[in-house]
Amino acid sequence: MGFLTVSLGNSANWQLSVQQTLTAQSSAPNSFLPIPAYQTPIQFTSPIIAIYASSESVAEPYAGWVIQNYLIGINNSPAPNAISQNRFKLYQGGLQLFTFLPIITSYTITLAPPSWYQDMSYSIWEYIGSVTDSTENLINNNVIPKLG
């Protein structure tokens, strides 16, 4: 796999897919239960997403984890239909770009805020523009000979 060629600067290539605000539940006066992790209700198909995270209750930049979930589908393993996960740190206050290997057709995202946050808001955009691979371009232009 070579380099992916995309047009990130074109706003028509982005689709707002998820907007969610999570709030901690009060367990006693001045005490809160941690916000549980949130799994997106949709399957993403693009290897590129952008996430904006913000909190009204905490000003620090760290905003938890972004977890990419996808089925492996190995039925003979100790964990049939296992879900594999890739974890990435998430920061608040700015748009953060995530690029995943384009080896799977769909995946979900789990957002796991820090346990001390009382609220967390997320917006997730999926890149819907064209994605080309430089290796495919080289093969199609006969720069790299085709096998077989």
Foldseek 3Di string as FASTA:
>chain_A
DADKDDDVPDPVQKDWDDKDKWFFDAPDVVRTFFTAKDKDPDKAFAQKKKKAKDAPADDFFWFAKKKKWDFPQDQPDPDGRDIDIDIDTGTHDDIDMGGHPNPDGITIIIGHGDRPGRMMIMIMMHGRTDMDGVVVVCPVVVVDDDDD
